[in-house]
């Protein structure tokens, strides 16, 4: 049996345990349990270099209870017997303090759950090397020879930047600027087990991936103390110039 199936059975058992505890402590109460497990990984880079790679296990159990229209929610990241007992106690105590919702219709009865695939195996099994390859492609793209020229010439400071003396202006056709990239690439895979007192049972698995990056281009000779508030020039300038301050581009995928 695979580790995933073993974990799924363990989380299903945890969900059933929580429902049994609710029934014992508050007969007649309605409840929905979401037990989730998986992993989340993150590769960070700064100054165009990877400096951190982290992977963490994701485990949580969330309980939503309804007592006569008083609805409350509580969560835990532990699945031991004592932790689940405490989870139920917290949720019921919180529900007892809430005002009743006269429009609460109760939790939905059980229904068929369509089989929909929300997973990408390459994402689910992504390694640090896989994420590093994506980061490398992003950094390499910032070094493309087709990027706008940022070669400097002395000129008064534009309104978007501030410095006491003259500052480099930007223009031309040959890229000569230093470019640095920073950001992260993340991958995640989680499985959620759902169980309710109305009889609903379901299991779903999902993967997610993202790349968030910032590219900072500074003209040669630009003072390090500069702060960027400039942006690419308007089309009326035929795209031949960029405001004479560092250009920061943020990309999220």
C-alpha atoms as a PDB file:
ATOM      1  CA  UNK A   1       0.000   0.000   0.000  1.00  0.00           C
ATOM      2  CA  UNK A   2       1.348   3.439  -0.943  1.00  0.00           C
ATOM      3  CA  UNK A   3       2.197   6.094   1.636  1.00  0.00           C
ATOM      4  CA  UNK A   4      -0.533   8.292   0.150  1.00  0.00           C
ATOM      5  CA  UNK A   5      -3.231   5.652   0.687  1.00  0.00           C
ATOM      6  CA  UNK A   6      -2.020   5.033   4.229  1.00  0.00           C
ATOM      7  CA  UNK A   7      -2.182   8.765   4.986  1.00  0.00           C
ATOM      8  CA  UNK A   8      -5.630   9.017   3.398  1.00  0.00           C
ATOM      9  CA  UNK A   9      -6.953   6.195   5.594  1.00  0.00           C
ATOM     10  CA  UNK A  10      -5.432   7.786   8.690  1.00  0.00           C
ATOM     11  CA  UNK A  11      -7.053  11.147   7.944  1.00  0.00           C
ATOM     12  CA  UNK A  12     -10.385   9.476   7.173  1.00  0.00           C
ATOM     13  CA  UNK A  13     -10.182   7.736  10.544  1.00  0.00           C
ATOM     14  CA  UNK A  14      -9.421  11.083  12.217  1.00  0.00           C
ATOM     15  CA  UNK A  15     -12.482  12.644  10.583  1.00  0.00           C
ATOM     16  CA  UNK A  16     -14.722   9.801  11.753  1.00  0.00           C
ATOM     17  CA  UNK A  17     -13.287  10.091  15.255  1.00  0.00           C
ATOM     18  CA  UNK A  18     -14.185  13.783  15.372  1.00  0.00           C
ATOM     19  CA  UNK A  19     -17.762  13.081  14.254  1.00  0.00           C
ATOM     20  CA  UNK A  20     -18.088  10.413  16.948  1.00  0.00           C
ATOM     21  CA  UNK A  21     -16.812  12.832  19.596  1.00  0.00           C
ATOM     22  CA  UNK A  22     -19.326  15.479  18.509  1.00  0.00           C
ATOM     23  CA  UNK A  23     -22.174  12.944  18.685  1.00  0.00           C
ATOM     24  CA  UNK A  24     -21.078  11.911  22.181  1.00  0.00           C
ATOM     25  CA  UNK A  25     -20.615  15.428  23.549  1.00  0.00           C
ATOM     26  CA  UNK A  26     -23.557  17.134  21.825  1.00  0.00           C
ATOM     27  CA  UNK A  27     -26.236  14.721  20.617  1.00  0.00           C
ATOM     28  CA  UNK A  28     -28.217  16.263  17.796  1.00  0.00           C
ATOM     29  CA  UNK A  29     -25.462  18.676  16.745  1.00  0.00           C
ATOM     30  CA  UNK A  30     -24.529  18.843  13.088  1.00  0.00           C
ATOM     31  CA  UNK A  31     -20.925  18.759  11.998  1.00  0.00           C
ATOM     32  CA  UNK A  32     -18.635  18.798   8.974  1.00  0.00           C
ATOM     33  CA  UNK A  33     -15.006  17.700   9.212  1.00  0.00           C
ATOM     34  CA  UNK A  34     -12.275  18.493   6.682  1.00  0.00           C
ATOM     35  CA  UNK A  35      -9.057  16.543   7.232  1.00  0.00           C
ATOM     36  CA  UNK A  36      -6.216  17.672   4.981  1.00  0.00           C
ATOM     37  CA  UNK A  37      -2.715  16.360   4.368  1.00  0.00           C
ATOM     38  CA  UNK A  38       0.039  16.864   1.822  1.00  0.00           C
ATOM     39  CA  UNK A  39       3.216  18.858   1.308  1.00  0.00           C
ATOM     40  CA  UNK A  40       4.219  22.394   0.395  1.00  0.00           C
ATOM     41  CA  UNK A  41       7.611  23.306  -1.083  1.00  0.00           C
ATOM     42  CA  UNK A  42       9.254  26.656  -1.742  1.00  0.00           C
ATOM     43  CA  UNK A  43      12.439  27.672  -3.554  1.00  0.00           C
ATOM     44  CA  UNK A  44      13.498  31.297  -2.962  1.00  0.00           C
ATOM     45  CA  UNK A  45      15.977  33.322  -4.971  1.00  0.00           C
ATOM     46  CA  UNK A  46      17.536  36.771  -4.594  1.00  0.00           C
ATOM     47  CA  UNK A  47      20.256  38.605  -6.510  1.00  0.00           C
ATOM     48  CA  UNK A  48      19.519  36.081  -9.287  1.00  0.00           C
ATOM     49  CA  UNK A  49      20.687  33.195  -7.064  1.00  0.00           C
ATOM     50  CA  UNK A  50      18.787  30.516  -5.159  1.00  0.00           C
ATOM     51  CA  UNK A  51      19.384  30.901  -1.440  1.00  0.00           C
ATOM     52  CA  UNK A  52      16.695  28.759   0.217  1.00  0.00           C
ATOM     53  CA  UNK A  53      14.730  25.595  -0.370  1.00  0.00           C
ATOM     54  CA  UNK A  54      12.137  24.392   2.143  1.00  0.00           C
ATOM     55  CA  UNK A  55       9.602  21.580   2.207  1.00  0.00           C
ATOM     56  CA  UNK A  56       6.976  21.090   4.900  1.00  0.00           C
ATOM     57  CA  UNK A  57       4.289  18.530   5.587  1.00  0.00           C
ATOM     58  CA  UNK A  58       0.767  19.928   5.611  1.00  0.00           C
ATOM     59  CA  UNK A  59      -1.673  18.403   8.111  1.00  0.00           C
ATOM     60  CA  UNK A  60      -4.857  19.967   9.455  1.00  0.00           C
ATOM     61  CA  UNK A  61      -8.280  18.993  10.758  1.00  0.00           C
ATOM     62  CA  UNK A  62     -11.074  21.564  10.629  1.00  0.00           C
ATOM     63  CA  UNK A  63     -14.413  21.112  12.358  1.00  0.00           C
ATOM     64  CA  UNK A  64     -17.563  23.130  11.701  1.00  0.00           C
ATOM     65  CA  UNK A  65     -20.401  22.512  14.172  1.00  0.00           C
ATOM     66  CA  UNK A  66     -23.976  23.741  14.345  1.00  0.00           C
ATOM     67  CA  UNK A  67     -25.970  23.780  17.588  1.00  0.00           C
ATOM     68  CA  UNK A  68     -29.531  24.965  17.033  1.00  0.00           C
ATOM     69  CA  UNK A  69     -28.406  27.450  14.388  1.00  0.00           C
ATOM     70  CA  UNK A  70     -25.295  28.517  16.300  1.00  0.00           C
ATOM     71  CA  UNK A  71     -22.374  27.770  13.972  1.00  0.00           C
ATOM     72  CA  UNK A  72     -18.673  27.794  14.887  1.00  0.00           C
ATOM     73  CA  UNK A  73     -15.407  26.505  13.463  1.00  0.00           C
ATOM     74  CA  UNK A  74     -12.122  25.307  14.949  1.00  0.00           C
ATOM     75  CA  UNK A  75      -8.940  23.790  13.530  1.00  0.00           C
ATOM     76  CA  UNK A  76      -5.871  21.882  14.637  1.00  0.00           C
ATOM     77  CA  UNK A  77      -2.659  20.676  13.037  1.00  0.00           C
ATOM     78  CA  UNK A  78      -2.436  17.643  15.325  1.00  0.00           C
ATOM     79  CA  UNK A  79      -4.292  14.359  14.891  1.00  0.00           C
ATOM     80  CA  UNK A  80      -3.679  12.582  18.200  1.00  0.00           C
ATOM     81  CA  UNK A  81      -6.593  11.553  20.410  1.00  0.00           C
ATOM     82  CA  UNK A  82      -6.078  14.391  22.899  1.00  0.00           C
ATOM     83  CA  UNK A  83      -5.799  16.981  20.107  1.00  0.00           C
ATOM     84  CA  UNK A  84      -9.041  15.823  18.493  1.00  0.00           C
ATOM     85  CA  UNK A  85     -10.830  15.853  21.859  1.00  0.00           C
ATOM     86  CA  UNK A  86      -9.629  19.429  22.392  1.00  0.00           C
ATOM     87  CA  UNK A  87     -10.715  20.391  18.870  1.00  0.00           C
ATOM     88  CA  UNK A  88     -14.284  19.244  19.494  1.00  0.00           C
ATOM     89  CA  UNK A  89     -14.378  20.941  22.899  1.00  0.00           C
ATOM     90  CA  UNK A  90     -13.227  24.280  21.418  1.00  0.00           C
ATOM     91  CA  UNK A  91     -15.705  24.165  18.546  1.00  0.00           C
ATOM     92  CA  UNK A  92     -18.671  23.327  20.786  1.00  0.00           C
ATOM     93  CA  UNK A  93     -17.681  25.984  23.321  1.00  0.00           C
ATOM     94  CA  UNK A  94     -17.441  28.599  20.571  1.00  0.00           C
ATOM     95  CA  UNK A  95     -20.820  27.587  19.129  1.00  0.00           C
ATOM     96  CA  UNK A  96     -22.451  27.922  22.533  1.00  0.00           C
ATOM     97  CA  UNK A  97     -21.361  31.565  22.682  1.00  0.00           C
ATOM     98  CA  UNK A  98     -22.635  32.546  19.258  1.00  0.00           C
ATOM     99  CA  UNK A  99     -26.124  33.907  18.546  1.00  0.00           C
ATOM    100  CA  UNK A 100     -28.462  31.583  16.699  1.00  0.00           C
ATOM    101  CA  UNK A 101     -28.930  32.215  12.990  1.00  0.00           C
ATOM    102  CA  UNK A 102     -32.688  31.998  12.298  1.00  0.00           C
ATOM    103  CA  UNK A 103     -31.990  31.415   8.603  1.00  0.00           C
ATOM    104  CA  UNK A 104     -29.579  28.515   9.086  1.00  0.00           C
ATOM    105  CA  UNK A 105     -30.952  25.648   6.994  1.00  0.00           C
ATOM    106  CA  UNK A 106     -28.637  22.946   8.256  1.00  0.00           C
ATOM    107  CA  UNK A 107     -25.850  21.180   6.404  1.00  0.00           C
ATOM    108  CA  UNK A 108     -26.548  19.657   3.006  1.00  0.00           C
ATOM    109  CA  UNK A 109     -27.637  16.026   2.726  1.00  0.00           C
ATOM    110  CA  UNK A 110     -25.264  13.572   1.057  1.00  0.00           C
ATOM    111  CA  UNK A 111     -24.948  13.728  -2.707  1.00  0.00           C
ATOM    112  CA  UNK A 112     -22.792  12.179  -5.408  1.00  0.00           C
ATOM    113  CA  UNK A 113     -19.419  13.843  -5.929  1.00  0.00           C
ATOM    114  CA  UNK A 114     -18.245  13.976  -9.563  1.00  0.00           C
ATOM    115  CA  UNK A 115     -14.826  12.554 -10.313  1.00  0.00           C
ATOM    116  CA  UNK A 116     -12.783  15.567 -11.372  1.00  0.00           C
ATOM    117  CA  UNK A 117      -9.000  15.543 -11.729  1.00  0.00           C
ATOM    118  CA  UNK A 118      -7.359  18.583 -10.166  1.00  0.00           C
ATOM    119  CA  UNK A 119      -3.846  17.160 -10.034  1.00  0.00           C
ATOM    120  CA  UNK A 120      -0.722  17.401 -12.135  1.00  0.00           C
ATOM    121  CA  UNK A 121       1.728  14.635 -11.281  1.00  0.00           C
ATOM    122  CA  UNK A 122       4.762  16.659 -12.349  1.00  0.00           C
ATOM    123  CA  UNK A 123       3.738  19.283  -9.793  1.00  0.00           C
ATOM    124  CA  UNK A 124       2.892  16.717  -7.131  1.00  0.00           C
ATOM    125  CA  UNK A 125       6.320  15.081  -7.428  1.00  0.00           C
ATOM    126  CA  UNK A 126       8.369  18.224  -8.130  1.00  0.00           C
ATOM    127  CA  UNK A 127      11.865  18.154  -6.630  1.00  0.00           C
ATOM    128  CA  UNK A 128      14.143  21.037  -5.598  1.00  0.00           C
ATOM    129  CA  UNK A 129      15.957  20.524  -8.909  1.00  0.00           C
ATOM    130  CA  UNK A 130      12.688  20.916 -10.815  1.00  0.00           C
ATOM    131  CA  UNK A 131      11.943  24.220  -9.119  1.00  0.00           C
ATOM    132  CA  UNK A 132      15.552  25.331  -9.598  1.00  0.00           C
ATOM    133  CA  UNK A 133      15.180  24.756 -13.343  1.00  0.00           C
ATOM    134  CA  UNK A 134      12.141  27.048 -13.419  1.00  0.00           C
ATOM    135  CA  UNK A 135      13.994  29.711 -11.454  1.00  0.00           C
ATOM    136  CA  UNK A 136      16.982  29.402 -13.808  1.00  0.00           C
ATOM    137  CA  UNK A 137      14.726  29.903 -16.837  1.00  0.00           C
ATOM    138  CA  UNK A 138      13.240  33.009 -15.247  1.00  0.00           C
ATOM    139  CA  UNK A 139      16.649  34.469 -14.392  1.00  0.00           C
ATOM    140  CA  UNK A 140      18.015  33.642 -17.847  1.00  0.00           C
ATOM    141  CA  UNK A 141      15.058  35.451 -19.427  1.00  0.00           C
ATOM    142  CA  UNK A 142      16.018  38.632 -17.570  1.00  0.00           C
ATOM    143  CA  UNK A 143      19.419  38.501 -19.258  1.00  0.00           C
ATOM    144  CA  UNK A 144      17.980  38.419 -22.764  1.00  0.00           C
ATOM    145  CA  UNK A 145      19.932  40.614 -25.210  1.00  0.00           C
ATOM    146  CA  UNK A 146      16.630  41.953 -26.528  1.00  0.00           C
ATOM    147  CA  UNK A 147      15.770  43.819 -23.335  1.00  0.00           C
ATOM    148  CA  UNK A 148      15.714  47.658 -23.529  1.00  0.00           C
ATOM    149  CA  UNK A 149      19.026  49.471 -23.401  1.00  0.00           C
ATOM    150  CA  UNK A 150      19.766  51.063 -20.058  1.00  0.00           C
ATOM    151  CA  UNK A 151      23.079  52.669 -21.010  1.00  0.00           C
ATOM    152  CA  UNK A 152      23.437  55.982 -19.140  1.00  0.00           C
ATOM    153  CA  UNK A 153      24.068  59.546 -20.193  1.00  0.00           C
ATOM    154  CA  UNK A 154      24.160  62.442 -17.751  1.00  0.00           C
ATOM    155  CA  UNK A 155      20.918  64.416 -17.488  1.00  0.00           C
ATOM    156  CA  UNK A 156      18.813  66.174 -14.847  1.00  0.00           C
ATOM    157  CA  UNK A 157      16.897  63.854 -12.532  1.00  0.00           C
ATOM    158  CA  UNK A 158      13.420  62.988 -13.870  1.00  0.00           C
ATOM    159  CA  UNK A 159      10.385  63.718 -11.738  1.00  0.00           C
ATOM    160  CA  UNK A 160       9.948  60.046 -10.824  1.00  0.00           C
ATOM    161  CA  UNK A 161      13.293  59.881  -9.016  1.00  0.00           C
ATOM    162  CA  UNK A 162      15.195  62.027  -6.546  1.00  0.00           C
ATOM    163  CA  UNK A 163      18.866  62.866  -6.282  1.00  0.00           C
ATOM    164  CA  UNK A 164      20.756  66.071  -5.613  1.00  0.00           C
ATOM    165  CA  UNK A 165      22.967  65.966  -8.714  1.00  0.00           C
ATOM    166  CA  UNK A 166      22.414  64.879 -12.300  1.00  0.00           C
ATOM    167  CA  UNK A 167      21.424  61.271 -12.906  1.00  0.00           C
ATOM    168  CA  UNK A 168      21.852  58.781 -15.734  1.00  0.00           C
ATOM    169  CA  UNK A 169      19.244  58.975 -18.489  1.00  0.00           C
ATOM    170  CA  UNK A 170      18.253  55.873 -20.427  1.00  0.00           C
ATOM    171  CA  UNK A 171      18.083  55.229 -24.151  1.00  0.00           C
ATOM    172  CA  UNK A 172      19.757  53.533 -27.097  1.00  0.00           C
ATOM    173  CA  UNK A 173      19.722  50.047 -28.581  1.00  0.00           C
ATOM    174  CA  UNK A 174      22.315  47.993 -26.712  1.00  0.00           C
ATOM    175  CA  UNK A 175      21.625  46.430 -23.295  1.00  0.00           C
ATOM    176  CA  UNK A 176      24.313  47.379 -20.799  1.00  0.00           C
ATOM    177  CA  UNK A 177      22.472  47.431 -17.464  1.00  0.00           C
ATOM    178  CA  UNK A 178      22.926  45.200 -14.457  1.00  0.00           C
ATOM    179  CA  UNK A 179      19.795  43.140 -13.840  1.00  0.00           C
ATOM    180  CA  UNK A 180      18.883  41.297 -10.661  1.00  0.00           C
ATOM    181  CA  UNK A 181      15.964  38.955 -10.070  1.00  0.00           C
ATOM    182  CA  UNK A 182      14.302  37.842  -6.846  1.00  0.00           C
ATOM    183  CA  UNK A 183      11.241  35.852  -5.897  1.00  0.00           C
ATOM    184  CA  UNK A 184      10.123  32.285  -5.327  1.00  0.00           C
ATOM    185  CA  UNK A 185       8.813  29.177  -7.027  1.00  0.00           C
ATOM    186  CA  UNK A 186       6.389  27.045  -5.038  1.00  0.00           C
ATOM    187  CA  UNK A 187       4.662  23.691  -5.502  1.00  0.00           C
ATOM    188  CA  UNK A 188       1.978  22.124  -3.362  1.00  0.00           C
ATOM    189  CA  UNK A 189      -0.076  18.926  -3.276  1.00  0.00           C
ATOM    190  CA  UNK A 190      -2.873  18.316  -0.777  1.00  0.00           C
ATOM    191  CA  UNK A 191      -5.588  15.742  -0.237  1.00  0.00           C
ATOM    192  CA  UNK A 192      -8.775  16.657   1.628  1.00  0.00           C
ATOM    193  CA  UNK A 193     -11.092  14.143   3.278  1.00  0.00           C
ATOM    194  CA  UNK A 194     -14.598  15.428   4.052  1.00  0.00           C
ATOM    195  CA  UNK A 195     -17.137  13.795   6.364  1.00  0.00           C
ATOM    196  CA  UNK A 196     -20.377  15.119   7.816  1.00  0.00           C
ATOM    197  CA  UNK A 197     -23.076  14.056  10.240  1.00  0.00           C
ATOM    198  CA  UNK A 198     -25.550  14.176   7.347  1.00  0.00           C
ATOM    199  CA  UNK A 199     -23.723  11.253   5.713  1.00  0.00           C
ATOM    200  CA  UNK A 200     -21.574  13.024   3.156  1.00  0.00           C
ATOM    201  CA  UNK A 201     -18.194  11.435   2.447  1.00  0.00           C
ATOM    202  CA  UNK A 202     -15.720  12.665  -0.178  1.00  0.00           C
ATOM    203  CA  UNK A 203     -12.021  12.764  -0.974  1.00  0.00           C
ATOM    204  CA  UNK A 204     -10.281  15.216  -3.284  1.00  0.00           C
ATOM    205  CA  UNK A 205      -6.668  15.845  -4.305  1.00  0.00           C
ATOM    206  CA  UNK A 206      -5.281  19.069  -5.754  1.00  0.00           C
ATOM    207  CA  UNK A 207      -1.935  20.451  -6.871  1.00  0.00           C
ATOM    208  CA  UNK A 208      -0.816  24.046  -7.271  1.00  0.00           C
ATOM    209  CA  UNK A 209       2.314  25.777  -8.527  1.00  0.00           C
ATOM    210  CA  UNK A 210       3.335  29.414  -8.741  1.00  0.00           C
ATOM    211  CA  UNK A 211       6.234  31.611  -9.719  1.00  0.00           C
ATOM    212  CA  UNK A 212       6.475  35.099  -8.264  1.00  0.00           C
ATOM    213  CA  UNK A 213       9.394  37.205  -9.410  1.00  0.00           C
ATOM    214  CA  UNK A 214      10.729  40.732  -9.294  1.00  0.00           C
ATOM    215  CA  UNK A 215      13.270  42.017 -11.820  1.00  0.00           C
ATOM    216  CA  UNK A 216      15.259  45.139 -11.011  1.00  0.00           C
ATOM    217  CA  UNK A 217      17.296  46.803 -13.742  1.00  0.00           C
ATOM    218  CA  UNK A 218      19.673  49.614 -12.790  1.00  0.00           C
ATOM    219  CA  UNK A 219      21.601  51.743 -15.318  1.00  0.00           C
ATOM    220  CA  UNK A 220      25.379  51.662 -15.022  1.00  0.00           C
ATOM    221  CA  UNK A 221      26.627  54.222 -12.558  1.00  0.00           C
ATOM    222  CA  UNK A 222      23.274  54.740 -10.834  1.00  0.00           C
ATOM    223  CA  UNK A 223      23.700  55.507  -7.117  1.00  0.00           C
ATOM    224  CA  UNK A 224      22.801  52.524  -4.962  1.00  0.00           C
ATOM    225  CA  UNK A 225      20.734  54.806  -2.723  1.00  0.00           C
ATOM    226  CA  UNK A 226      18.179  55.455  -5.436  1.00  0.00           C
ATOM    227  CA  UNK A 227      14.585  54.321  -5.010  1.00  0.00           C
ATOM    228  CA  UNK A 228      12.589  53.455  -8.112  1.00  0.00           C
ATOM    229  CA  UNK A 229       9.275  55.055  -8.882  1.00  0.00           C
ATOM    230  CA  UNK A 230       9.751  55.340 -12.635  1.00  0.00           C
ATOM    231  CA  UNK A 231       7.989  53.368 -15.339  1.00  0.00           C
ATOM    232  CA  UNK A 232       8.435  52.744 -19.065  1.00  0.00           C
ATOM    233  CA  UNK A 233       7.847  55.801 -21.182  1.00  0.00           C
ATOM    234  CA  UNK A 234       4.570  56.339 -22.977  1.00  0.00           C
ATOM    235  CA  UNK A 235       4.027  55.192 -26.591  1.00  0.00           C
ATOM    236  CA  UNK A 236       4.342  58.833 -27.636  1.00  0.00           C
ATOM    237  CA  UNK A 237       8.093  58.479 -27.073  1.00  0.00           C
ATOM    238  CA  UNK A 238       8.179  55.534 -29.464  1.00  0.00           C
ATOM    239  CA  UNK A 239       9.440  53.359 -26.636  1.00  0.00           C
ATOM    240  CA  UNK A 240      12.976  54.676 -27.112  1.00  0.00           C
ATOM    241  CA  UNK A 241      13.447  55.906 -23.557  1.00  0.00           C
ATOM    242  CA  UNK A 242      12.734  54.739 -20.039  1.00  0.00           C
ATOM    243  CA  UNK A 243      12.572  57.069 -17.051  1.00  0.00           C
ATOM    244  CA  UNK A 244      16.103  57.491 -15.721  1.00  0.00           C
ATOM    245  CA  UNK A 245      15.676  55.487 -12.538  1.00  0.00           C
ATOM    246  CA  UNK A 246      15.790  51.777 -11.694  1.00  0.00           C
ATOM    247  CA  UNK A 247      12.959  49.844 -13.314  1.00  0.00           C
ATOM    248  CA  UNK A 248      11.263  47.192 -11.211  1.00  0.00           C
ATOM    249  CA  UNK A 249       9.076  44.600 -12.916  1.00  0.00           C
ATOM    250  CA  UNK A 250       7.031  42.133 -10.883  1.00  0.00           C
ATOM    251  CA  UNK A 251       5.707  38.979 -12.507  1.00  0.00           C
ATOM    252  CA  UNK A 252       3.415  36.446 -10.858  1.00  0.00           C
ATOM    253  CA  UNK A 253       2.434  33.223 -12.601  1.00  0.00           C
END
